[in-house]
């Protein structure tokens, strides 16, 4: 049947209230994460437009899946949420870590 996590469409959002402006996410996936002039990270849509509405989510491109999961895992502010697009189940970031 295969691993569901690998097949699923994922989406990612950032909680700007928790963002420390560390920039780790931008290093991991500059196609998806970018700083705005407020020094906080935001997600971008497929066209590269910055989604500055708080809590905006964008689709995780298949090729960047691992980078984005790693960014969520390593983020010092723990503000990156990766969820399944369909069921909104946490895949990485706050609420997803079993340890």
PDB file of N, CA and C in Angstrom:
ATOM      1  N   UNK A   1       0.816  -1.200   0.000  1.00  0.00           N
ATOM      2  CA  UNK A   1       0.000   0.000   0.000  1.00  0.00           C
ATOM      3  C   UNK A   1       0.863   1.269   0.000  1.00  0.00           C
ATOM      4  N   UNK A   2       2.060   1.184   0.587  1.00  0.00           N
ATOM      5  CA  UNK A   2       2.937   2.354   0.573  1.00  0.00           C
ATOM      6  C   UNK A   2       2.698   3.232   1.785  1.00  0.00           C
ATOM      7  N   UNK A   3       3.651   4.060   2.063  1.00  0.00           N
ATOM      8  CA  UNK A   3       3.566   4.938   3.230  1.00  0.00           C
ATOM      9  C   UNK A   3       2.675   6.133   2.908  1.00  0.00           C
ATOM     10  N   UNK A   4       1.619   6.283   3.666  1.00  0.00           N
ATOM     11  CA  UNK A   4       0.657   7.367   3.416  1.00  0.00           C
ATOM     12  C   UNK A   4       1.314   8.736   3.477  1.00  0.00           C
ATOM     13  N   UNK A   5       2.243   8.907   4.390  1.00  0.00           N
ATOM     14  CA  UNK A   5       2.882  10.213   4.549  1.00  0.00           C
ATOM     15  C   UNK A   5       3.613  10.628   3.271  1.00  0.00           C
ATOM     16  N   UNK A   6       4.123   9.638   2.545  1.00  0.00           N
ATOM     17  CA  UNK A   6       4.849   9.950   1.320  1.00  0.00           C
ATOM     18  C   UNK A   6       3.902  10.336   0.186  1.00  0.00           C
ATOM     19  N   UNK A   7       2.698   9.750   0.209  1.00  0.00           N
ATOM     20  CA  UNK A   7       1.760   9.973  -0.903  1.00  0.00           C
ATOM     21  C   UNK A   7       0.969  11.261  -0.721  1.00  0.00           C
ATOM     22  N   UNK A   8       0.755  11.636   0.520  1.00  0.00           N
ATOM     23  CA  UNK A   8      -0.180  12.717   0.811  1.00  0.00           C
ATOM     24  C   UNK A   8       0.276  14.079   0.312  1.00  0.00           C
ATOM     25  N   UNK A   9      -0.706  14.865  -0.078  1.00  0.00           N
ATOM     26  CA  UNK A   9      -0.457  16.275  -0.344  1.00  0.00           C
ATOM     27  C   UNK A   9      -0.227  16.939   1.008  1.00  0.00           C
ATOM     28  N   UNK A  10       0.807  17.749   1.100  1.00  0.00           N
ATOM     29  CA  UNK A  10       1.081  18.457   2.347  1.00  0.00           C
ATOM     30  C   UNK A  10       0.952  19.956   2.139  1.00  0.00           C
ATOM     31  N   UNK A  11       0.672  20.644   3.247  1.00  0.00           N
ATOM     32  CA  UNK A  11       0.673  22.102   3.224  1.00  0.00           C
ATOM     33  C   UNK A  11       1.493  22.583   4.407  1.00  0.00           C
ATOM     34  N   UNK A  12       1.981  23.801   4.296  1.00  0.00           N
ATOM     35  CA  UNK A  12       2.830  24.341   5.355  1.00  0.00           C
ATOM     36  C   UNK A  12       2.379  25.762   5.687  1.00  0.00           C
ATOM     37  N   UNK A  13       2.444  26.088   6.964  1.00  0.00           N
ATOM     38  CA  UNK A  13       2.146  27.448   7.397  1.00  0.00           C
ATOM     39  C   UNK A  13       3.128  27.825   8.504  1.00  0.00           C
ATOM     40  N   UNK A  14       3.209  29.123   8.770  1.00  0.00           N
ATOM     41  CA  UNK A  14       4.103  29.636   9.813  1.00  0.00           C
ATOM     42  C   UNK A  14       3.280  30.447  10.799  1.00  0.00           C
ATOM     43  N   UNK A  15       3.538  30.209  12.081  1.00  0.00           N
ATOM     44  CA  UNK A  15       2.924  31.019  13.133  1.00  0.00           C
ATOM     45  C   UNK A  15       3.862  32.198  13.394  1.00  0.00           C
ATOM     46  N   UNK A  16       3.537  33.350  12.800  1.00  0.00           N
ATOM     47  CA  UNK A  16       4.432  34.503  12.912  1.00  0.00           C
ATOM     48  C   UNK A  16       4.632  34.963  14.364  1.00  0.00           C
ATOM     49  N   UNK A  17       3.659  34.704  15.232  1.00  0.00           N
ATOM     50  CA  UNK A  17       3.800  35.089  16.639  1.00  0.00           C
ATOM     51  C   UNK A  17       4.954  34.348  17.310  1.00  0.00           C
ATOM     52  N   UNK A  18       5.254  33.154  16.810  1.00  0.00           N
ATOM     53  CA  UNK A  18       6.305  32.338  17.420  1.00  0.00           C
ATOM     54  C   UNK A  18       7.639  32.454  16.669  1.00  0.00           C
ATOM     55  N   UNK A  19       7.622  33.090  15.503  1.00  0.00           N
ATOM     56  CA  UNK A  19       8.812  33.168  14.655  1.00  0.00           C
ATOM     57  C   UNK A  19       9.902  33.987  15.337  1.00  0.00           C
ATOM     58  N   UNK A  20      11.117  33.423  15.367  1.00  0.00           N
ATOM     59  CA  UNK A  20      12.245  34.111  15.991  1.00  0.00           C
ATOM     60  C   UNK A  20      13.103  34.846  14.966  1.00  0.00           C
ATOM     61  N   UNK A  21      12.750  34.738  13.695  1.00  0.00           N
ATOM     62  CA  UNK A  21      13.524  35.397  12.647  1.00  0.00           C
ATOM     63  C   UNK A  21      14.885  34.772  12.449  1.00  0.00           C
ATOM     64  N   UNK A  22      15.000  33.508  12.815  1.00  0.00           N
ATOM     65  CA  UNK A  22      16.283  32.809  12.750  1.00  0.00           C
ATOM     66  C   UNK A  22      16.760  32.603  11.319  1.00  0.00           C
ATOM     67  N   UNK A  23      15.830  32.327  10.418  1.00  0.00           N
ATOM     68  CA  UNK A  23      16.171  32.219   9.009  1.00  0.00           C
ATOM     69  C   UNK A  23      16.537  30.827   8.544  1.00  0.00           C
ATOM     70  N   UNK A  24      16.455  29.866   9.462  1.00  0.00           N
ATOM     71  CA  UNK A  24      16.788  28.495   9.114  1.00  0.00           C
ATOM     72  C   UNK A  24      15.888  27.996   7.981  1.00  0.00           C
ATOM     73  N   UNK A  25      14.613  28.320   8.056  1.00  0.00           N
ATOM     74  CA  UNK A  25      13.664  27.833   7.046  1.00  0.00           C
ATOM     75  C   UNK A  25      13.999  28.376   5.668  1.00  0.00           C
ATOM     76  N   UNK A  26      14.421  29.644   5.613  1.00  0.00           N
ATOM     77  CA  UNK A  26      14.749  30.263   4.326  1.00  0.00           C
ATOM     78  C   UNK A  26      15.967  29.575   3.712  1.00  0.00           C
ATOM     79  N   UNK A  27      16.914  29.150   4.562  1.00  0.00           N
ATOM     80  CA  UNK A  27      18.078  28.423   4.061  1.00  0.00           C
ATOM     81  C   UNK A  27      17.666  27.048   3.528  1.00  0.00           C
ATOM     82  N   UNK A  28      16.743  26.405   4.227  1.00  0.00           N
ATOM     83  CA  UNK A  28      16.288  25.071   3.811  1.00  0.00           C
ATOM     84  C   UNK A  28      15.506  25.131   2.499  1.00  0.00           C
ATOM     85  N   UNK A  29      14.564  26.036   2.416  1.00  0.00           N
ATOM     86  CA  UNK A  29      13.650  26.047   1.269  1.00  0.00           C
ATOM     87  C   UNK A  29      13.286  27.477   0.858  1.00  0.00           C
ATOM     88  N   UNK A  30      14.231  28.153   0.201  1.00  0.00           N
ATOM     89  CA  UNK A  30      13.963  29.541  -0.211  1.00  0.00           C
ATOM     90  C   UNK A  30      12.825  29.686  -1.210  1.00  0.00           C
ATOM     91  N   UNK A  31      12.438  28.564  -1.864  1.00  0.00           N
ATOM     92  CA  UNK A  31      11.309  28.623  -2.796  1.00  0.00           C
ATOM     93  C   UNK A  31       9.979  28.727  -2.068  1.00  0.00           C
ATOM     94  N   UNK A  32       9.982  28.370  -0.772  1.00  0.00           N
ATOM     95  CA  UNK A  32       8.721  28.343  -0.018  1.00  0.00           C
ATOM     96  C   UNK A  32       8.708  29.364   1.116  1.00  0.00           C
ATOM     97  N   UNK A  33       9.865  29.575   1.743  1.00  0.00           N
ATOM     98  CA  UNK A  33       9.934  30.493   2.885  1.00  0.00           C
ATOM     99  C   UNK A  33      10.696  31.754   2.509  1.00  0.00           C
ATOM    100  N   UNK A  34      10.218  32.891   3.024  1.00  0.00           N
ATOM    101  CA  UNK A  34      10.910  34.148   2.759  1.00  0.00           C
ATOM    102  C   UNK A  34      10.630  35.123   3.890  1.00  0.00           C
ATOM    103  N   UNK A  35      11.610  35.989   4.164  1.00  0.00           N
ATOM    104  CA  UNK A  35      11.396  37.041   5.164  1.00  0.00           C
ATOM    105  C   UNK A  35      10.632  38.197   4.547  1.00  0.00           C
ATOM    106  N   UNK A  36       9.757  38.793   5.327  1.00  0.00           N
ATOM    107  CA  UNK A  36       9.129  40.043   4.933  1.00  0.00           C
ATOM    108  C   UNK A  36       9.902  41.175   5.601  1.00  0.00           C
ATOM    109  N   UNK A  37       9.508  42.399   5.341  1.00  0.00           N
ATOM    110  CA  UNK A  37      10.222  43.539   5.908  1.00  0.00           C
ATOM    111  C   UNK A  37      10.117  43.601   7.428  1.00  0.00           C
ATOM    112  N   UNK A  38       9.175  42.854   7.997  1.00  0.00           N
ATOM    113  CA  UNK A  38       9.050  42.841   9.465  1.00  0.00           C
ATOM    114  C   UNK A  38      10.070  41.897  10.114  1.00  0.00           C
ATOM    115  N   UNK A  39      10.893  41.224   9.280  1.00  0.00           N
ATOM    116  CA  UNK A  39      11.920  40.332   9.814  1.00  0.00           C
ATOM    117  C   UNK A  39      11.399  38.959  10.205  1.00  0.00           C
ATOM    118  N   UNK A  40      10.148  38.686   9.850  1.00  0.00           N
ATOM    119  CA  UNK A  40       9.555  37.380  10.153  1.00  0.00           C
ATOM    120  C   UNK A  40       9.422  36.573   8.866  1.00  0.00           C
ATOM    121  N   UNK A  41       9.401  35.268   9.030  1.00  0.00           N
ATOM    122  CA  UNK A  41       9.290  34.385   7.869  1.00  0.00           C
ATOM    123  C   UNK A  41       7.826  34.173   7.496  1.00  0.00           C
ATOM    124  N   UNK A  42       7.589  34.080   6.209  1.00  0.00           N
ATOM    125  CA  UNK A  42       6.265  33.794   5.656  1.00  0.00           C
ATOM    126  C   UNK A  42       6.417  32.739   4.573  1.00  0.00           C
ATOM    127  N   UNK A  43       5.288  32.125   4.208  1.00  0.00           N
ATOM    128  CA  UNK A  43       5.328  31.162   3.116  1.00  0.00           C
ATOM    129  C   UNK A  43       4.958  31.852   1.809  1.00  0.00           C
ATOM    130  N   UNK A  44       5.397  31.249   0.707  1.00  0.00           N
ATOM    131  CA  UNK A  44       5.074  31.759  -0.623  1.00  0.00           C
ATOM    132  C   UNK A  44       4.218  30.743  -1.359  1.00  0.00           C
ATOM    133  N   UNK A  45       3.391  31.227  -2.264  1.00  0.00           N
ATOM    134  CA  UNK A  45       2.592  30.300  -3.071  1.00  0.00           C
ATOM    135  C   UNK A  45       3.415  29.823  -4.268  1.00  0.00           C
ATOM    136  N   UNK A  46       2.804  29.029  -5.119  1.00  0.00           N
ATOM    137  CA  UNK A  46       3.513  28.413  -6.245  1.00  0.00           C
ATOM    138  C   UNK A  46       4.078  29.456  -7.209  1.00  0.00           C
ATOM    139  N   UNK A  47       3.471  30.645  -7.234  1.00  0.00           N
ATOM    140  CA  UNK A  47       3.950  31.710  -8.119  1.00  0.00           C
ATOM    141  C   UNK A  47       5.063  32.525  -7.483  1.00  0.00           C
ATOM    142  N   UNK A  48       5.400  32.202  -6.217  1.00  0.00           N
ATOM    143  CA  UNK A  48       6.455  32.941  -5.533  1.00  0.00           C
ATOM    144  C   UNK A  48       5.966  34.201  -4.842  1.00  0.00           C
ATOM    145  N   UNK A  49       4.649  34.348  -4.734  1.00  0.00           N
ATOM    146  CA  UNK A  49       4.096  35.518  -4.034  1.00  0.00           C
ATOM    147  C   UNK A  49       4.120  35.276  -2.531  1.00  0.00           C
ATOM    148  N   UNK A  50       4.576  36.272  -1.785  1.00  0.00           N
ATOM    149  CA  UNK A  50       4.635  36.177  -0.329  1.00  0.00           C
ATOM    150  C   UNK A  50       3.216  36.260   0.235  1.00  0.00           C
ATOM    151  N   UNK A  51       2.853  35.287   1.072  1.00  0.00           N
ATOM    152  CA  UNK A  51       1.515  35.256   1.669  1.00  0.00           C
ATOM    153  C   UNK A  51       1.627  35.850   3.076  1.00  0.00           C
ATOM    154  N   UNK A  52       1.353  37.153   3.166  1.00  0.00           N
ATOM    155  CA  UNK A  52       1.624  37.853   4.423  1.00  0.00           C
ATOM    156  C   UNK A  52       0.451  37.832   5.392  1.00  0.00           C
ATOM    157  N   UNK A  53      -0.665  37.223   5.003  1.00  0.00           N
ATOM    158  CA  UNK A  53      -1.760  37.058   5.954  1.00  0.00           C
ATOM    159  C   UNK A  53      -1.324  36.043   6.998  1.00  0.00           C
ATOM    160  N   UNK A  54      -1.488  36.394   8.260  1.00  0.00           N
ATOM    161  CA  UNK A  54      -1.021  35.531   9.339  1.00  0.00           C
ATOM    162  C   UNK A  54      -1.606  34.125   9.212  1.00  0.00           C
ATOM    163  N   UNK A  55      -0.734  33.133   9.326  1.00  0.00           N
ATOM    164  CA  UNK A  55      -1.193  31.747   9.282  1.00  0.00           C
ATOM    165  C   UNK A  55      -1.519  31.227   7.896  1.00  0.00           C
ATOM    166  N   UNK A  56      -1.143  31.974   6.859  1.00  0.00           N
ATOM    167  CA  UNK A  56      -1.383  31.501   5.483  1.00  0.00           C
ATOM    168  C   UNK A  56      -0.703  30.165   5.263  1.00  0.00           C
ATOM    169  N   UNK A  57      -1.354  29.307   4.503  1.00  0.00           N
ATOM    170  CA  UNK A  57      -0.680  28.050   4.172  1.00  0.00           C
ATOM    171  C   UNK A  57      -0.504  27.924   2.673  1.00  0.00           C
ATOM    172  N   UNK A  58       0.489  27.142   2.320  1.00  0.00           N
ATOM    173  CA  UNK A  58       0.769  26.910   0.907  1.00  0.00           C
ATOM    174  C   UNK A  58       1.070  25.433   0.721  1.00  0.00           C
ATOM    175  N   UNK A  59       0.907  24.964  -0.505  1.00  0.00           N
ATOM    176  CA  UNK A  59       1.158  23.563  -0.806  1.00  0.00           C
ATOM    177  C   UNK A  59       2.654  23.282  -0.741  1.00  0.00           C
ATOM    178  N   UNK A  60       3.011  22.129  -0.214  1.00  0.00           N
ATOM    179  CA  UNK A  60       4.408  21.714  -0.167  1.00  0.00           C
ATOM    180  C   UNK A  60       4.747  21.015  -1.489  1.00  0.00           C
ATOM    181  N   UNK A  61       5.659  21.582  -2.283  1.00  0.00           N
ATOM    182  CA  UNK A  61       6.050  20.909  -3.527  1.00  0.00           C
ATOM    183  C   UNK A  61       6.722  19.576  -3.214  1.00  0.00           C
ATOM    184  N   UNK A  62       6.409  18.570  -3.999  1.00  0.00           N
ATOM    185  CA  UNK A  62       6.929  17.221  -3.780  1.00  0.00           C
ATOM    186  C   UNK A  62       8.447  17.213  -3.605  1.00  0.00           C
ATOM    187  N   UNK A  63       9.141  17.963  -4.455  1.00  0.00           N
ATOM    188  CA  UNK A  63      10.611  17.932  -4.445  1.00  0.00           C
ATOM    189  C   UNK A  63      11.202  18.599  -3.208  1.00  0.00           C
ATOM    190  N   UNK A  64      10.394  19.408  -2.520  1.00  0.00           N
ATOM    191  CA  UNK A  64      10.896  20.132  -1.343  1.00  0.00           C
ATOM    192  C   UNK A  64      10.373  19.554  -0.044  1.00  0.00           C
ATOM    193  N   UNK A  65       9.650  18.442  -0.144  1.00  0.00           N
ATOM    194  CA  UNK A  65       8.996  17.846   1.025  1.00  0.00           C
ATOM    195  C   UNK A  65       9.976  17.646   2.185  1.00  0.00           C
ATOM    196  N   UNK A  66      11.120  17.030   1.895  1.00  0.00           N
ATOM    197  CA  UNK A  66      12.078  16.729   2.959  1.00  0.00           C
ATOM    198  C   UNK A  66      12.678  18.010   3.546  1.00  0.00           C
ATOM    199  N   UNK A  67      12.997  18.975   2.670  1.00  0.00           N
ATOM    200  CA  UNK A  67      13.563  20.243   3.142  1.00  0.00           C
ATOM    201  C   UNK A  67      12.604  20.946   4.093  1.00  0.00           C
ATOM    202  N   UNK A  68      11.324  20.906   3.754  1.00  0.00           N
ATOM    203  CA  UNK A  68      10.328  21.619   4.558  1.00  0.00           C
ATOM    204  C   UNK A  68      10.069  20.894   5.868  1.00  0.00           C
ATOM    205  N   UNK A  69      10.039  19.570   5.821  1.00  0.00           N
ATOM    206  CA  UNK A  69       9.895  18.794   7.058  1.00  0.00           C
ATOM    207  C   UNK A  69      11.098  19.034   7.974  1.00  0.00           C
ATOM    208  N   UNK A  70      12.297  19.058   7.393  1.00  0.00           N
ATOM    209  CA  UNK A  70      13.497  19.334   8.183  1.00  0.00           C
ATOM    210  C   UNK A  70      13.481  20.737   8.769  1.00  0.00           C
ATOM    211  N   UNK A  71      13.029  21.701   7.982  1.00  0.00           N
ATOM    212  CA  UNK A  71      12.943  23.080   8.467  1.00  0.00           C
ATOM    213  C   UNK A  71      11.995  23.154   9.668  1.00  0.00           C
ATOM    214  N   UNK A  72      10.851  22.477   9.551  1.00  0.00           N
ATOM    215  CA  UNK A  72       9.877  22.479  10.648  1.00  0.00           C
ATOM    216  C   UNK A  72      10.473  21.831  11.888  1.00  0.00           C
ATOM    217  N   UNK A  73      11.244  20.767  11.660  1.00  0.00           N
ATOM    218  CA  UNK A  73      11.836  20.018  12.761  1.00  0.00           C
ATOM    219  C   UNK A  73      12.917  20.825  13.474  1.00  0.00           C
ATOM    220  N   UNK A  74      13.712  21.563  12.696  1.00  0.00           N
ATOM    221  CA  UNK A  74      14.875  22.265  13.245  1.00  0.00           C
ATOM    222  C   UNK A  74      14.597  23.704  13.661  1.00  0.00           C
ATOM    223  N   UNK A  75      13.427  24.220  13.307  1.00  0.00           N
ATOM    224  CA  UNK A  75      13.104  25.617  13.604  1.00  0.00           C
ATOM    225  C   UNK A  75      13.184  25.903  15.108  1.00  0.00           C
ATOM    226  N   UNK A  76      14.041  26.856  15.529  1.00  0.00           N
ATOM    227  CA  UNK A  76      14.166  27.156  16.966  1.00  0.00           C
ATOM    228  C   UNK A  76      12.889  27.759  17.557  1.00  0.00           C
ATOM    229  N   UNK A  77      12.102  28.434  16.709  1.00  0.00           N
ATOM    230  CA  UNK A  77      10.864  29.034  17.203  1.00  0.00           C
ATOM    231  C   UNK A  77       9.702  28.055  17.233  1.00  0.00           C
ATOM    232  N   UNK A  78       9.919  26.857  16.668  1.00  0.00           N
ATOM    233  CA  UNK A  78       8.855  25.853  16.552  1.00  0.00           C
ATOM    234  C   UNK A  78       7.569  26.476  16.011  1.00  0.00           C
ATOM    235  N   UNK A  79       7.707  27.187  14.898  1.00  0.00           N
ATOM    236  CA  UNK A  79       6.549  27.916  14.376  1.00  0.00           C
ATOM    237  C   UNK A  79       6.114  27.452  12.999  1.00  0.00           C
ATOM    238  N   UNK A  80       6.758  26.385  12.489  1.00  0.00           N
ATOM    239  CA  UNK A  80       6.414  25.885  11.158  1.00  0.00           C
ATOM    240  C   UNK A  80       5.531  24.650  11.293  1.00  0.00           C
ATOM    241  N   UNK A  81       4.365  24.728  10.694  1.00  0.00           N
ATOM    242  CA  UNK A  81       3.396  23.635  10.768  1.00  0.00           C
ATOM    243  C   UNK A  81       3.266  22.977   9.409  1.00  0.00           C
ATOM    244  N   UNK A  82       3.580  21.685   9.347  1.00  0.00           N
ATOM    245  CA  UNK A  82       3.378  20.917   8.120  1.00  0.00           C
ATOM    246  C   UNK A  82       2.235  19.947   8.384  1.00  0.00           C
ATOM    247  N   UNK A  83       1.193  20.006   7.550  1.00  0.00           N
ATOM    248  CA  UNK A  83      -0.006  19.182   7.759  1.00  0.00           C
ATOM    249  C   UNK A  83      -0.411  18.524   6.453  1.00  0.00           C
ATOM    250  N   UNK A  84      -1.179  17.452   6.589  1.00  0.00           N
ATOM    251  CA  UNK A  84      -1.803  16.860   5.414  1.00  0.00           C
ATOM    252  C   UNK A  84      -2.860  17.818   4.881  1.00  0.00           C
ATOM    253  N   UNK A  85      -2.886  18.025   3.574  1.00  0.00           N
ATOM    254  CA  UNK A  85      -3.848  18.974   2.997  1.00  0.00           C
ATOM    255  C   UNK A  85      -5.282  18.527   3.222  1.00  0.00           C
ATOM    256  N   UNK A  86      -5.515  17.226   3.130  1.00  0.00           N
ATOM    257  CA  UNK A  86      -6.880  16.710   3.225  1.00  0.00           C
ATOM    258  C   UNK A  86      -7.373  16.631   4.672  1.00  0.00           C
ATOM    259  N   UNK A  87      -6.548  16.032   5.547  1.00  0.00           N
ATOM    260  CA  UNK A  87      -7.046  15.763   6.904  1.00  0.00           C
ATOM    261  C   UNK A  87      -6.498  16.721   7.952  1.00  0.00           C
ATOM    262  N   UNK A  88      -5.582  17.625   7.542  1.00  0.00           N
ATOM    263  CA  UNK A  88      -4.986  18.615   8.454  1.00  0.00           C
ATOM    264  C   UNK A  88      -4.215  17.966   9.595  1.00  0.00           C
ATOM    265  N   UNK A  89      -3.865  16.684   9.440  1.00  0.00           N
ATOM    266  CA  UNK A  89      -3.113  15.993  10.489  1.00  0.00           C
ATOM    267  C   UNK A  89      -1.673  16.472  10.489  1.00  0.00           C
ATOM    268  N   UNK A  90      -1.113  16.778  11.671  1.00  0.00           N
ATOM    269  CA  UNK A  90       0.269  17.262  11.744  1.00  0.00           C
ATOM    270  C   UNK A  90       1.256  16.224  11.225  1.00  0.00           C
ATOM    271  N   UNK A  91       2.159  16.657  10.365  1.00  0.00           N
ATOM    272  CA  UNK A  91       3.187  15.787   9.815  1.00  0.00           C
ATOM    273  C   UNK A  91       4.554  16.176  10.398  1.00  0.00           C
ATOM    274  N   UNK A  92       4.773  17.475  10.572  1.00  0.00           N
ATOM    275  CA  UNK A  92       6.013  17.963  11.164  1.00  0.00           C
ATOM    276  C   UNK A  92       5.725  19.294  11.843  1.00  0.00           C
ATOM    277  N   UNK A  93       6.587  19.621  12.801  1.00  0.00           N
ATOM    278  CA  UNK A  93       6.397  20.855  13.537  1.00  0.00           C
ATOM    279  C   UNK A  93       5.606  20.593  14.818  1.00  0.00           C
ATOM    280  N   UNK A  94       5.155  21.669  15.483  1.00  0.00           N
ATOM    281  CA  UNK A  94       4.448  21.502  16.766  1.00  0.00           C
ATOM    282  C   UNK A  94       3.252  20.578  16.627  1.00  0.00           C
ATOM    283  N   UNK A  95       3.107  19.670  17.570  1.00  0.00           N
ATOM    284  CA  UNK A  95       1.973  18.747  17.551  1.00  0.00           C
ATOM    285  C   UNK A  95       2.247  17.470  16.797  1.00  0.00           C
ATOM    286  N   UNK A  96       3.370  17.415  16.083  1.00  0.00           N
ATOM    287  CA  UNK A  96       3.652  16.224  15.268  1.00  0.00           C
ATOM    288  C   UNK A  96       4.742  15.356  15.884  1.00  0.00           C
ATOM    289  N   UNK A  97       5.597  15.956  16.696  1.00  0.00           N
ATOM    290  CA  UNK A  97       6.733  15.210  17.245  1.00  0.00           C
ATOM    291  C   UNK A  97       6.284  14.237  18.310  1.00  0.00           C
ATOM    292  N   UNK A  98       6.617  12.965  18.087  1.00  0.00           N
ATOM    293  CA  UNK A  98       6.211  11.917  19.031  1.00  0.00           C
ATOM    294  C   UNK A  98       7.145  11.870  20.235  1.00  0.00           C
ATOM    295  N   UNK A  99       8.405  12.359  20.022  1.00  0.00           N
ATOM    296  CA  UNK A  99       9.356  12.234  21.126  1.00  0.00           C
ATOM    297  C   UNK A  99       9.062  13.263  22.207  1.00  0.00           C
TER     298      UNK A  99
END
